PDB file of N, CA and C in Angstrom:
ATOM      1  N   VAL A   1     -16.426   2.614   3.082  1.00  0.00           N
ATOM      2  CA  VAL A   1     -15.935   2.741   4.612  1.00  0.00           C
ATOM      3  C   VAL A   1     -15.569   4.264   4.712  1.00  0.00           C
ATOM      4  N   THR A   2     -16.090   4.784   5.858  1.00  0.00           N
ATOM      5  CA  THR A   2     -15.910   6.214   6.089  1.00  0.00           C
ATOM      6  C   THR A   2     -14.535   6.257   7.308  1.00  0.00           C
ATOM      7  N   VAL A   3     -13.674   7.155   6.791  1.00  0.00           N
ATOM      8  CA  VAL A   3     -12.769   7.050   7.683  1.00  0.00           C
ATOM      9  C   VAL A   3     -12.362   8.339   8.426  1.00  0.00           C
ATOM     10  N   ASN A   4     -12.063   8.296   9.663  1.00  0.00           N
ATOM     11  CA  ASN A   4     -11.803   9.611  10.567  1.00  0.00           C
ATOM     12  C   ASN A   4     -10.408  10.216  10.167  1.00  0.00           C
ATOM     13  N   PRO A   5     -10.535  11.539   9.391  1.00  0.00           N
ATOM     14  CA  PRO A   5      -9.424  12.297   9.080  1.00  0.00           C
ATOM     15  C   PRO A   5      -8.327  12.188  10.206  1.00  0.00           C
ATOM     16  N   GLU A   6      -8.843  12.714  11.323  1.00  0.00           N
ATOM     17  CA  GLU A   6      -7.780  12.653  12.443  1.00  0.00           C
ATOM     18  C   GLU A   6      -6.948  11.564  12.785  1.00  0.00           C
ATOM     19  N   ALA A   7      -7.606  10.348  12.726  1.00  0.00           N
ATOM     20  CA  ALA A   7      -6.997   9.041  12.908  1.00  0.00           C
ATOM     21  C   ALA A   7      -6.064   8.699  11.879  1.00  0.00           C
ATOM     22  N   ILE A   8      -6.192   9.011  10.529  1.00  0.00           N
ATOM     23  CA  ILE A   8      -5.385   9.043   9.198  1.00  0.00           C
ATOM     24  C   ILE A   8      -4.453   9.873   9.726  1.00  0.00           C
ATOM     25  N   LYS A   9      -4.571  11.228   9.863  1.00  0.00           N
ATOM     26  CA  LYS A   9      -3.431  11.880  10.188  1.00  0.00           C
ATOM     27  C   LYS A   9      -2.493  11.464  11.299  1.00  0.00           C
ATOM     28  N   ALA A  10      -2.886  11.077  12.402  1.00  0.00           N
ATOM     29  CA  ALA A  10      -2.040  10.179  13.442  1.00  0.00           C
ATOM     30  C   ALA A  10      -1.162   9.162  12.978  1.00  0.00           C
ATOM     31  N   TYR A  11      -2.040   8.463  12.146  1.00  0.00           N
ATOM     32  CA  TYR A  11      -1.104   7.148  11.716  1.00  0.00           C
ATOM     33  C   TYR A  11      -0.018   7.410  10.432  1.00  0.00           C
ATOM     34  N   LEU A  12      -0.513   8.554   9.827  1.00  0.00           N
ATOM     35  CA  LEU A  12       0.680   9.052   8.829  1.00  0.00           C
ATOM     36  C   LEU A  12       2.045   9.497   9.494  1.00  0.00           C
ATOM     37  N   ILE A  13       2.023  10.177  10.547  1.00  0.00           N
ATOM     38  CA  ILE A  13       2.874  10.711  11.327  1.00  0.00           C
ATOM     39  C   ILE A  13       3.809   9.506  11.793  1.00  0.00           C
ATOM     40  N   GLU A  14       3.197   8.248  12.240  1.00  0.00           N
ATOM     41  CA  GLU A  14       3.763   7.276  12.896  1.00  0.00           C
ATOM     42  C   GLU A  14       4.198   6.172  11.839  1.00  0.00           C
ATOM     43  N   ARG A  15       3.981   6.351  10.451  1.00  0.00           N
ATOM     44  CA  ARG A  15       4.314   5.126   9.866  1.00  0.00           C
ATOM     45  C   ARG A  15       5.636   5.095   9.281  1.00  0.00           C
ATOM     46  N   PRO A  16       6.182   4.063   9.006  1.00  0.00           N
ATOM     47  CA  PRO A  16       7.549   3.994   8.352  1.00  0.00           C
ATOM     48  C   PRO A  16       7.711   4.996   7.183  1.00  0.00           C
ATOM     49  N   ALA A  17       9.149   5.763   7.266  1.00  0.00           N
ATOM     50  CA  ALA A  17       9.442   6.330   5.914  1.00  0.00           C
ATOM     51  C   ALA A  17       9.508   5.691   4.692  1.00  0.00           C
ATOM     52  N   LEU A  18      10.150   4.344   4.774  1.00  0.00           N
ATOM     53  CA  LEU A  18      10.155   3.567   3.601  1.00  0.00           C
ATOM     54  C   LEU A  18       9.085   2.978   3.298  1.00  0.00           C
ATOM     55  N   ALA A  19       8.279   3.080   2.300  1.00  0.00           N
ATOM     56  CA  ALA A  19       7.118   2.388   1.931  1.00  0.00           C
ATOM     57  C   ALA A  19       7.433   0.819   1.618  1.00  0.00           C
ATOM     58  N   LEU A  20       6.248   0.253   1.963  1.00  0.00           N
ATOM     59  CA  LEU A  20       6.361  -1.432   1.505  1.00  0.00           C
ATOM     60  C   LEU A  20       7.693  -1.899   1.636  1.00  0.00           C
ATOM     61  N   LEU A  21       8.394  -2.006   2.914  1.00  0.00           N
ATOM     62  CA  LEU A  21       9.444  -2.529   3.051  1.00  0.00           C
ATOM     63  C   LEU A  21      10.745  -2.395   1.830  1.00  0.00           C
ATOM     64  N   GLY A  22      10.522  -1.517   1.039  1.00  0.00           N
ATOM     65  CA  GLY A  22      11.469  -1.332  -0.025  1.00  0.00           C
ATOM     66  C   GLY A  22      11.231  -2.077  -0.974  1.00  0.00           C
ATOM     67  N   LYS A  23       9.818  -2.814  -1.362  1.00  0.00           N
ATOM     68  CA  LYS A  23       9.658  -3.670  -2.177  1.00  0.00           C
ATOM     69  C   LYS A  23       9.035  -2.528  -3.420  1.00  0.00           C
ATOM     70  N   ASP A  24       9.418  -2.766  -4.785  1.00  0.00           N
ATOM     71  CA  ASP A  24       8.768  -2.134  -5.709  1.00  0.00           C
ATOM     72  C   ASP A  24       7.453  -2.366  -5.859  1.00  0.00           C
ATOM     73  N   VAL A  25       6.552  -1.163  -5.623  1.00  0.00           N
ATOM     74  CA  VAL A  25       5.055  -0.864  -5.874  1.00  0.00           C
ATOM     75  C   VAL A  25       4.323  -1.347  -6.978  1.00  0.00           C
ATOM     76  N   VAL A  26       5.078  -0.710  -8.038  1.00  0.00           N
ATOM     77  CA  VAL A  26       4.599  -1.153  -9.523  1.00  0.00           C
ATOM     78  C   VAL A  26       4.682  -2.663  -9.708  1.00  0.00           C
ATOM     79  N   SER A  27       5.966  -3.620  -9.138  1.00  0.00           N
ATOM     80  CA  SER A  27       5.531  -4.786  -9.411  1.00  0.00           C
ATOM     81  C   SER A  27       4.693  -5.478  -8.510  1.00  0.00           C
ATOM     82  N   LEU A  28       4.303  -4.851  -7.155  1.00  0.00           N
ATOM     83  CA  LEU A  28       3.290  -5.564  -6.393  1.00  0.00           C
ATOM     84  C   LEU A  28       2.049  -5.549  -7.066  1.00  0.00           C
ATOM     85  N   VAL A  29       1.836  -4.209  -7.774  1.00  0.00           N
ATOM     86  CA  VAL A  29       0.492  -3.913  -8.250  1.00  0.00           C
ATOM     87  C   VAL A  29      -0.031  -4.457  -9.889  1.00  0.00           C
ATOM     88  N   ASP A  30       1.276  -4.319 -10.720  1.00  0.00           N
ATOM     89  CA  ASP A  30       1.071  -4.977 -11.994  1.00  0.00           C
ATOM     90  C   ASP A  30       1.697  -6.233 -12.382  1.00  0.00           C
ATOM     91  N   GLY A  31       2.412  -6.866 -11.450  1.00  0.00           N
ATOM     92  CA  GLY A  31       2.630  -8.213 -11.723  1.00  0.00           C
ATOM     93  C   GLY A  31       2.502  -9.326 -10.323  1.00  0.00           C
ATOM     94  N   ASN A  32       2.003  -8.545  -9.447  1.00  0.00           N
ATOM     95  CA  ASN A  32       1.799  -9.307  -8.087  1.00  0.00           C
ATOM     96  C   ASN A  32       2.823 -10.234  -7.748  1.00  0.00           C
ATOM     97  N   THR A  33       4.029  -9.464  -7.996  1.00  0.00           N
ATOM     98  CA  THR A  33       5.385 -10.087  -7.502  1.00  0.00           C
ATOM     99  C   THR A  33       6.115  -9.268  -6.623  1.00  0.00           C
ATOM    100  N   GLU A  34       6.776  -9.654  -5.478  1.00  0.00           N
ATOM    101  CA  GLU A  34       7.573  -8.850  -4.708  1.00  0.00           C
ATOM    102  C   GLU A  34       9.215  -8.979  -5.087  1.00  0.00           C
ATOM    103  N   GLN A  35       9.374  -7.564  -5.685  1.00  0.00           N
ATOM    104  CA  GLN A  35      10.569  -7.096  -6.311  1.00  0.00           C
ATOM    105  C   GLN A  35      11.143  -6.395  -5.481  1.00  0.00           C
ATOM    106  N   ASP A  36      12.437  -6.158  -5.202  1.00  0.00           N
ATOM    107  CA  ASP A  36      13.077  -5.306  -4.245  1.00  0.00           C
ATOM    108  C   ASP A  36      13.481  -3.874  -4.967  1.00  0.00           C
ATOM    109  N   GLY A  37      13.300  -3.068  -4.574  1.00  0.00           N
ATOM    110  CA  GLY A  37      13.483  -1.632  -5.123  1.00  0.00           C
ATOM    111  C   GLY A  37      15.089  -1.210  -5.060  1.00  0.00           C
ATOM    112  N   ASN A  38      15.369  -0.685  -5.846  1.00  0.00           N
ATOM    113  CA  ASN A  38      16.684   0.038  -5.844  1.00  0.00           C
ATOM    114  C   ASN A  38      16.908   1.125  -5.230  1.00  0.00           C
ATOM    115  N   LYS A  39      17.796   1.531  -4.029  1.00  0.00           N
ATOM    116  CA  LYS A  39      17.995   2.919  -3.389  1.00  0.00           C
ATOM    117  C   LYS A  39      18.217   3.682  -4.395  1.00  0.00           C
ATOM    118  N   GLU A  40      18.999   3.391  -5.645  1.00  0.00           N
ATOM    119  CA  GLU A  40      19.336   4.639  -6.585  1.00  0.00           C
ATOM    120  C   GLU A  40      18.122   4.942  -7.517  1.00  0.00           C
ATOM    121  N   ILE A  41      17.020   4.294  -7.314  1.00  0.00           N
ATOM    122  CA  ILE A  41      15.679   4.835  -8.084  1.00  0.00           C
ATOM    123  C   ILE A  41      14.730   4.755  -7.182  1.00  0.00           C
ATOM    124  N   ALA A  42      14.710   5.847  -6.566  1.00  0.00           N
ATOM    125  CA  ALA A  42      13.620   6.081  -5.448  1.00  0.00           C
ATOM    126  C   ALA A  42      12.773   7.471  -5.879  1.00  0.00           C
ATOM    127  N   GLY A  43      11.464   7.478  -5.137  1.00  0.00           N
ATOM    128  CA  GLY A  43      10.726   8.678  -5.134  1.00  0.00           C
ATOM    129  C   GLY A  43      10.017   8.718  -3.938  1.00  0.00           C
ATOM    130  N   ARG A  44       9.629  10.084  -3.810  1.00  0.00           N
ATOM    131  CA  ARG A  44       8.798  10.341  -2.555  1.00  0.00           C
ATOM    132  C   ARG A  44       7.545  10.611  -2.846  1.00  0.00           C
ATOM    133  N   PHE A  45       6.557  10.104  -1.892  1.00  0.00           N
ATOM    134  CA  PHE A  45       4.991  10.476  -2.423  1.00  0.00           C
ATOM    135  C   PHE A  45       4.325  10.405  -0.641  1.00  0.00           C
ATOM    136  N   ASP A  46       3.679  11.357  -0.487  1.00  0.00           N
ATOM    137  CA  ASP A  46       3.090  11.526   0.318  1.00  0.00           C
ATOM    138  C   ASP A  46       3.683  11.136   1.905  1.00  0.00           C
ATOM    139  N   GLY A  47       4.930  11.844   2.021  1.00  0.00           N
ATOM    140  CA  GLY A  47       5.796  11.552   3.021  1.00  0.00           C
ATOM    141  C   GLY A  47       6.603  10.349   3.035  1.00  0.00           C
ATOM    142  N   GLN A  48       6.451   9.460   1.916  1.00  0.00           N
ATOM    143  CA  GLN A  48       7.320   8.155   2.221  1.00  0.00           C
ATOM    144  C   GLN A  48       8.223   7.907   1.116  1.00  0.00           C
ATOM    145  N   THR A  49       9.359   7.138   1.213  1.00  0.00           N
ATOM    146  CA  THR A  49      10.070   6.961   0.227  1.00  0.00           C
ATOM    147  C   THR A  49       9.713   5.654  -0.782  1.00  0.00           C
ATOM    148  N   TYR A  50       9.565   5.641  -2.009  1.00  0.00           N
ATOM    149  CA  TYR A  50       9.128   4.397  -2.648  1.00  0.00           C
ATOM    150  C   TYR A  50      10.487   4.233  -3.440  1.00  0.00           C
ATOM    151  N   LEU A  51      10.970   2.658  -3.497  1.00  0.00           N
ATOM    152  CA  LEU A  51      11.862   2.276  -4.200  1.00  0.00           C
ATOM    153  C   LEU A  51      11.537   1.422  -5.479  1.00  0.00           C
ATOM    154  N   PHE A  52      12.312   1.666  -6.350  1.00  0.00           N
ATOM    155  CA  PHE A  52      11.599   0.838  -7.967  1.00  0.00           C
ATOM    156  C   PHE A  52      12.679  -0.021  -8.119  1.00  0.00           C
ATOM    157  N   ALA A  53      12.428  -0.796  -8.888  1.00  0.00           N
ATOM    158  CA  ALA A  53      13.373  -1.994  -9.717  1.00  0.00           C
ATOM    159  C   ALA A  53      13.989  -1.418 -10.765  1.00  0.00           C
ATOM    160  N   SER A  54      13.134  -0.390 -11.298  1.00  0.00           N
ATOM    161  CA  SER A  54      13.495   0.029 -12.560  1.00  0.00           C
ATOM    162  C   SER A  54      13.100   1.691 -12.935  1.00  0.00           C
ATOM    163  N   VAL A  55      13.923   2.328 -13.640  1.00  0.00           N
ATOM    164  CA  VAL A  55      13.309   3.759 -14.109  1.00  0.00           C
ATOM    165  C   VAL A  55      12.058   3.642 -14.800  1.00  0.00           C
ATOM    166  N   GLU A  56      11.704   2.703 -15.405  1.00  0.00           N
ATOM    167  CA  GLU A  56      10.322   2.536 -15.967  1.00  0.00           C
ATOM    168  C   GLU A  56       9.249   2.215 -15.133  1.00  0.00           C
ATOM    169  N   HIS A  57       9.659   1.755 -14.047  1.00  0.00           N
ATOM    170  CA  HIS A  57       8.685   1.318 -12.883  1.00  0.00           C
ATOM    171  C   HIS A  57       8.395   2.950 -12.465  1.00  0.00           C
ATOM    172  N   LYS A  58       9.595   3.483 -11.826  1.00  0.00           N
ATOM    173  CA  LYS A  58       9.391   4.891 -11.290  1.00  0.00           C
ATOM    174  C   LYS A  58       8.662   5.860 -12.182  1.00  0.00           C
ATOM    175  N   THR A  59       8.773   5.643 -13.360  1.00  0.00           N
ATOM    176  CA  THR A  59       8.028   6.705 -14.440  1.00  0.00           C
ATOM    177  C   THR A  59       6.521   6.640 -14.177  1.00  0.00           C
ATOM    178  N   LYS A  60       6.192   5.000 -14.392  1.00  0.00           N
ATOM    179  CA  LYS A  60       4.853   4.558 -14.274  1.00  0.00           C
ATOM    180  C   LYS A  60       4.051   5.032 -12.814  1.00  0.00           C
ATOM    181  N   PHE A  61       4.942   4.876 -11.855  1.00  0.00           N
ATOM    182  CA  PHE A  61       4.621   5.698 -10.579  1.00  0.00           C
ATOM    183  C   PHE A  61       4.241   6.815 -10.478  1.00  0.00           C
ATOM    184  N   GLU A  62       5.129   7.696 -11.123  1.00  0.00           N
ATOM    185  CA  GLU A  62       4.795   9.095 -11.037  1.00  0.00           C
ATOM    186  C   GLU A  62       3.781   9.686 -12.072  1.00  0.00           C
ATOM    187  N   GLN A  63       3.412   8.806 -12.727  1.00  0.00           N
ATOM    188  CA  GLN A  63       2.358   9.273 -13.755  1.00  0.00           C
ATOM    189  C   GLN A  63       1.056   9.027 -13.176  1.00  0.00           C
ATOM    190  N   ASP A  64       0.815   7.948 -12.278  1.00  0.00           N
ATOM    191  CA  ASP A  64      -0.440   7.666 -11.697  1.00  0.00           C
ATOM    192  C   ASP A  64       0.031   7.179 -10.260  1.00  0.00           C
ATOM    193  N   PRO A  65       0.276   7.894  -9.437  1.00  0.00           N
ATOM    194  CA  PRO A  65       0.760   7.461  -8.103  1.00  0.00           C
ATOM    195  C   PRO A  65      -0.810   6.870  -7.238  1.00  0.00           C
ATOM    196  N   GLY A  66      -1.635   7.193  -7.576  1.00  0.00           N
ATOM    197  CA  GLY A  66      -3.080   6.985  -6.990  1.00  0.00           C
ATOM    198  C   GLY A  66      -3.234   5.395  -7.346  1.00  0.00           C
ATOM    199  N   ARG A  67      -3.030   5.022  -8.313  1.00  0.00           N
ATOM    200  CA  ARG A  67      -3.037   3.438  -8.824  1.00  0.00           C
ATOM    201  C   ARG A  67      -2.171   2.355  -7.858  1.00  0.00           C
ATOM    202  N   TYR A  68      -1.204   3.403  -7.492  1.00  0.00           N
ATOM    203  CA  TYR A  68      -0.113   2.391  -6.911  1.00  0.00           C
ATOM    204  C   TYR A  68       0.080   2.379  -5.261  1.00  0.00           C
ATOM    205  N   ILE A  69      -0.076   3.404  -4.730  1.00  0.00           N
ATOM    206  CA  ILE A  69      -0.168   3.716  -3.413  1.00  0.00           C
ATOM    207  C   ILE A  69      -1.208   2.961  -2.674  1.00  0.00           C
ATOM    208  N   PRO A  70      -0.927   2.376  -1.574  1.00  0.00           N
ATOM    209  CA  PRO A  70      -1.867   1.569  -0.876  1.00  0.00           C
ATOM    210  C   PRO A  70      -3.158   2.045  -0.287  1.00  0.00           C
ATOM    211  N   ALA A  71      -4.280   1.762  -0.709  1.00  0.00           N
ATOM    212  CA  ALA A  71      -5.577   2.069  -0.127  1.00  0.00           C
ATOM    213  C   ALA A  71      -5.418   2.373   1.414  1.00  0.00           C
ATOM    214  N   LEU A  72      -6.169   3.317   1.969  1.00  0.00           N
ATOM    215  CA  LEU A  72      -6.156   3.508   3.450  1.00  0.00           C
ATOM    216  C   LEU A  72      -4.649   3.638   4.020  1.00  0.00           C
ATOM    217  N   ALA A  73      -3.795   4.381   3.292  1.00  0.00           N
ATOM    218  CA  ALA A  73      -2.524   4.596   4.014  1.00  0.00           C
ATOM    219  C   ALA A  73      -1.599   3.251   4.122  1.00  0.00           C
ATOM    220  N   GLY A  74      -2.138   2.000   3.862  1.00  0.00           N
ATOM    221  CA  GLY A  74      -1.660   0.878   3.832  1.00  0.00           C
ATOM    222  C   GLY A  74      -2.075  -0.014   5.106  1.00  0.00           C
ATOM    223  N   CYS A  75      -3.233   0.846   5.500  1.00  0.00           N
ATOM    224  CA  CYS A  75      -3.947  -0.087   6.708  1.00  0.00           C
ATOM    225  C   CYS A  75      -5.070  -1.075   6.088  1.00  0.00           C
ATOM    226  N   SER A  76      -5.224  -1.740   6.832  1.00  0.00           N
ATOM    227  CA  SER A  76      -6.272  -2.898   6.511  1.00  0.00           C
ATOM    228  C   SER A  76      -7.902  -2.318   6.576  1.00  0.00           C
ATOM    229  N   LEU A  77      -8.652  -2.301   5.322  1.00  0.00           N
ATOM    230  CA  LEU A  77      -9.971  -1.888   5.279  1.00  0.00           C
ATOM    231  C   LEU A  77     -10.823  -2.878   5.953  1.00  0.00           C
ATOM    232  N   VAL A  78     -10.508  -4.182   5.786  1.00  0.00           N
ATOM    233  CA  VAL A  78     -11.204  -5.242   6.846  1.00  0.00           C
ATOM    234  C   VAL A  78     -11.310  -4.773   8.316  1.00  0.00           C
ATOM    235  N   ALA A  79     -10.005  -4.528   8.754  1.00  0.00           N
ATOM    236  CA  ALA A  79     -10.015  -4.405  10.212  1.00  0.00           C
ATOM    237  C   ALA A  79     -10.453  -3.052  10.675  1.00  0.00           C
ATOM    238  N   TYR A  80     -10.445  -1.966   9.841  1.00  0.00           N
ATOM    239  CA  TYR A  80     -10.997  -0.852  10.263  1.00  0.00           C
ATOM    240  C   TYR A  80     -12.256  -0.713  10.127  1.00  0.00           C
ATOM    241  N   LYS A  81     -13.064  -1.497   9.177  1.00  0.00           N
ATOM    242  CA  LYS A  81     -14.379  -1.543   9.171  1.00  0.00           C
ATOM    243  C   LYS A  81     -14.999  -2.372  10.117  1.00  0.00           C
ATOM    244  N   SER A  82     -14.402  -3.361  10.610  1.00  0.00           N
ATOM    245  CA  SER A  82     -15.027  -4.354  11.798  1.00  0.00           C
ATOM    246  C   SER A  82     -14.698  -3.783  13.202  1.00  0.00           C
ATOM    247  N   THR A  83     -13.575  -2.784  13.320  1.00  0.00           N
ATOM    248  CA  THR A  83     -12.962  -2.670  14.566  1.00  0.00           C
ATOM    249  C   THR A  83     -12.777  -0.822  14.868  1.00  0.00           C
ATOM    250  N   GLY A  84     -12.978  -0.164  13.645  1.00  0.00           N
ATOM    251  CA  GLY A  84     -12.848   1.223  13.579  1.00  0.00           C
ATOM    252  C   GLY A  84     -11.348   1.622  14.207  1.00  0.00           C
ATOM    253  N   LYS A  85     -10.426   0.651  14.041  1.00  0.00           N
ATOM    254  CA  LYS A  85      -9.068   1.063  14.157  1.00  0.00           C
ATOM    255  C   LYS A  85      -8.130   0.583  13.306  1.00  0.00           C
ATOM    256  N   LEU A  86      -7.139   1.811  12.965  1.00  0.00           N
ATOM    257  CA  LEU A  86      -6.032   1.747  11.751  1.00  0.00           C
ATOM    258  C   LEU A  86      -5.158   0.481  12.243  1.00  0.00           C
ATOM    259  N   VAL A  87      -5.112  -0.520  11.489  1.00  0.00           N
ATOM    260  CA  VAL A  87      -4.000  -1.676  11.561  1.00  0.00           C
ATOM    261  C   VAL A  87      -3.298  -1.797  10.659  1.00  0.00           C
ATOM    262  N   PRO A  88      -1.998  -1.544  10.374  1.00  0.00           N
ATOM    263  CA  PRO A  88      -1.030  -1.593   9.435  1.00  0.00           C
ATOM    264  C   PRO A  88      -1.174  -2.926   8.751  1.00  0.00           C
ATOM    265  N   GLY A  89      -1.369  -2.937   7.453  1.00  0.00           N
ATOM    266  CA  GLY A  89      -1.104  -4.266   6.681  1.00  0.00           C
ATOM    267  C   GLY A  89      -0.003  -4.529   6.371  1.00  0.00           C
ATOM    268  N   SER A  90      -0.026  -5.784   5.381  1.00  0.00           N
ATOM    269  CA  SER A  90       1.361  -6.244   5.337  1.00  0.00           C
ATOM    270  C   SER A  90       1.317  -6.614   3.723  1.00  0.00           C
ATOM    271  N   ILE A  91       2.591  -6.275   3.082  1.00  0.00           N
ATOM    272  CA  ILE A  91       2.587  -6.799   1.504  1.00  0.00           C
ATOM    273  C   ILE A  91       2.244  -8.621   1.631  1.00  0.00           C
ATOM    274  N   SER A  92       2.534  -9.223   2.627  1.00  0.00           N
ATOM    275  CA  SER A  92       2.200 -10.526   2.526  1.00  0.00           C
ATOM    276  C   SER A  92       1.064 -10.835   2.596  1.00  0.00           C
ATOM    277  N   PHE A  93       0.093 -10.012   2.891  1.00  0.00           N
ATOM    278  CA  PHE A  93      -1.423 -10.253   2.529  1.00  0.00           C
ATOM    279  C   PHE A  93      -2.079  -9.118   1.777  1.00  0.00           C
ATOM    280  N   ARG A  94      -1.813  -9.382   0.492  1.00  0.00           N
ATOM    281  CA  ARG A  94      -2.155  -8.055  -0.244  1.00  0.00           C
ATOM    282  C   ARG A  94      -3.117  -8.602  -1.281  1.00  0.00           C
ATOM    283  N   ALA A  95      -3.876  -7.796  -2.104  1.00  0.00           N
ATOM    284  CA  ALA A  95      -5.015  -7.868  -2.835  1.00  0.00           C
ATOM    285  C   ALA A  95      -4.824  -6.643  -3.900  1.00  0.00           C
ATOM    286  N   THR A  96      -4.795  -7.044  -5.008  1.00  0.00           N
ATOM    287  CA  THR A  96      -4.961  -5.563  -5.930  1.00  0.00           C
ATOM    288  C   THR A  96      -6.342  -5.787  -7.022  1.00  0.00           C
ATOM    289  N   THR A  97      -6.643  -4.488  -7.133  1.00  0.00           N
ATOM    290  CA  THR A  97      -7.707  -4.438  -8.198  1.00  0.00           C
ATOM    291  C   THR A  97      -7.005  -3.639  -9.511  1.00  0.00           C
ATOM    292  N   PRO A  98      -7.768  -3.670 -10.654  1.00  0.00           N
ATOM    293  CA  PRO A  98      -7.171  -2.932 -11.747  1.00  0.00           C
ATOM    294  C   PRO A  98      -6.613  -1.289 -11.276  1.00  0.00           C
ATOM    295  N   ASP A  99      -7.115  -0.877 -10.288  1.00  0.00           N
ATOM    296  CA  ASP A  99      -6.822   0.656  -9.953  1.00  0.00           C
ATOM    297  C   ASP A  99      -6.268   0.724  -8.454  1.00  0.00           C
ATOM    298  N   ARG A 100      -5.976  -0.322  -7.752  1.00  0.00           N
ATOM    299  CA  ARG A 100      -5.433   0.021  -6.358  1.00  0.00           C
ATOM    300  C   ARG A 100      -4.984  -1.295  -5.808  1.00  0.00           C
ATOM    301  N   LEU A 101      -3.886  -1.072  -4.793  1.00  0.00           N
ATOM    302  CA  LEU A 101      -3.498  -2.051  -3.934  1.00  0.00           C
ATOM    303  C   LEU A 101      -4.020  -1.906  -2.541  1.00  0.00           C
ATOM    304  N   TYR A 102      -4.391  -3.093  -1.893  1.00  0.00           N
ATOM    305  CA  TYR A 102      -4.908  -3.080  -0.820  1.00  0.00           C
ATOM    306  C   TYR A 102      -4.123  -4.290   0.188  1.00  0.00           C
ATOM    307  N   LEU A 103      -3.745  -3.757   1.360  1.00  0.00           N
ATOM    308  CA  LEU A 103      -2.980  -4.525   2.482  1.00  0.00           C
ATOM    309  C   LEU A 103      -3.852  -4.817   3.357  1.00  0.00           C
ATOM    310  N   PHE A 104      -3.562  -6.118   4.054  1.00  0.00           N
ATOM    311  CA  PHE A 104      -4.359  -6.694   5.266  1.00  0.00           C
ATOM    312  C   PHE A 104      -3.390  -7.518   6.316  1.00  0.00           C
ATOM    313  N   ALA A 105      -3.815  -7.426   7.444  1.00  0.00           N
ATOM    314  CA  ALA A 105      -3.181  -7.786   8.530  1.00  0.00           C
ATOM    315  C   ALA A 105      -3.100  -9.061   8.562  1.00  0.00           C
ATOM    316  N   SER A 106      -3.875  -9.967   7.978  1.00  0.00           N
ATOM    317  CA  SER A 106      -4.017 -11.790   7.908  1.00  0.00           C
ATOM    318  C   SER A 106      -4.663 -12.066   6.386  1.00  0.00           C
ATOM    319  N   GLU A 107      -4.269 -13.200   6.485  1.00  0.00           N
ATOM    320  CA  GLU A 107      -4.665 -14.124   5.479  1.00  0.00           C
ATOM    321  C   GLU A 107      -6.185 -13.947   5.502  1.00  0.00           C
ATOM    322  N   ASP A 108      -6.755 -14.116   6.918  1.00  0.00           N
ATOM    323  CA  ASP A 108      -8.420 -14.116   6.781  1.00  0.00           C
ATOM    324  C   ASP A 108      -8.960 -12.978   6.250  1.00  0.00           C
ATOM    325  N   GLU A 109      -8.383 -11.782   6.850  1.00  0.00           N
ATOM    326  CA  GLU A 109      -9.056 -10.299   6.336  1.00  0.00           C
ATOM    327  C   GLU A 109      -8.666 -10.165   4.721  1.00  0.00           C
ATOM    328  N   LYS A 110      -7.547 -10.865   4.165  1.00  0.00           N
ATOM    329  CA  LYS A 110      -7.589 -10.691   2.484  1.00  0.00           C
ATOM    330  C   LYS A 110      -8.493 -11.843   1.924  1.00  0.00           C
ATOM    331  N   LYS A 111      -8.843 -12.587   2.542  1.00  0.00           N
ATOM    332  CA  LYS A 111     -10.200 -13.733   1.996  1.00  0.00           C
ATOM    333  C   LYS A 111     -11.344 -13.004   2.210  1.00  0.00           C
ATOM    334  N   ALA A 112     -11.523 -12.237   3.411  1.00  0.00           N
ATOM    335  CA  ALA A 112     -12.674 -11.583   3.526  1.00  0.00           C
ATOM    336  C   ALA A 112     -13.058 -10.634   2.470  1.00  0.00           C
ATOM    337  N   PHE A 113     -12.031  -9.847   2.241  1.00  0.00           N
ATOM    338  CA  PHE A 113     -11.925  -8.455   1.224  1.00  0.00           C
ATOM    339  C   PHE A 113     -12.466  -9.559  -0.045  1.00  0.00           C
ATOM    340  N   GLU A 114     -11.769 -10.255  -0.478  1.00  0.00           N
ATOM    341  CA  GLU A 114     -11.804 -10.866  -1.678  1.00  0.00           C
ATOM    342  C   GLU A 114     -13.176 -11.395  -1.898  1.00  0.00           C
ATOM    343  N   SER A 115     -13.701 -12.051  -0.962  1.00  0.00           N
ATOM    344  CA  SER A 115     -15.038 -12.487  -1.100  1.00  0.00           C
ATOM    345  C   SER A 115     -16.272 -11.487  -1.218  1.00  0.00           C
ATOM    346  N   ASN A 116     -15.751 -10.262  -0.652  1.00  0.00           N
ATOM    347  CA  ASN A 116     -16.743  -9.293  -0.662  1.00  0.00           C
ATOM    348  C   ASN A 116     -16.345  -7.808  -0.837  1.00  0.00           C
ATOM    349  N   LYS A 117     -15.643  -7.685  -2.303  1.00  0.00           N
ATOM    350  CA  LYS A 117     -15.182  -6.294  -2.365  1.00  0.00           C
ATOM    351  C   LYS A 117     -16.059  -5.107  -2.501  1.00  0.00           C
TER     352      LYS A 117
END
């Protein structure tokens, strides 16, 4: 998927400052579970604040943030590929690979991705 850099730049300005609704991204990727992050254990990356459930999770994130931050700034790859528009994804419709977190806008998009990664 080829992404328009100007579209991404505009989206990054508008997205929420709190990443992933405050859920711990390491729990989402490594355990595929939604665990609330702790405001006392926070870190910033690429203009967003990430909350973590433990200091260990924050350390893992800091050692390899690229593994944990959502692909395409949290937008749905499936929607972008089919429409050319950046559509915010949801942690409710997520898929993980060993090295990346993907968010989608619907269950159908998630299934489309999983059938043809």
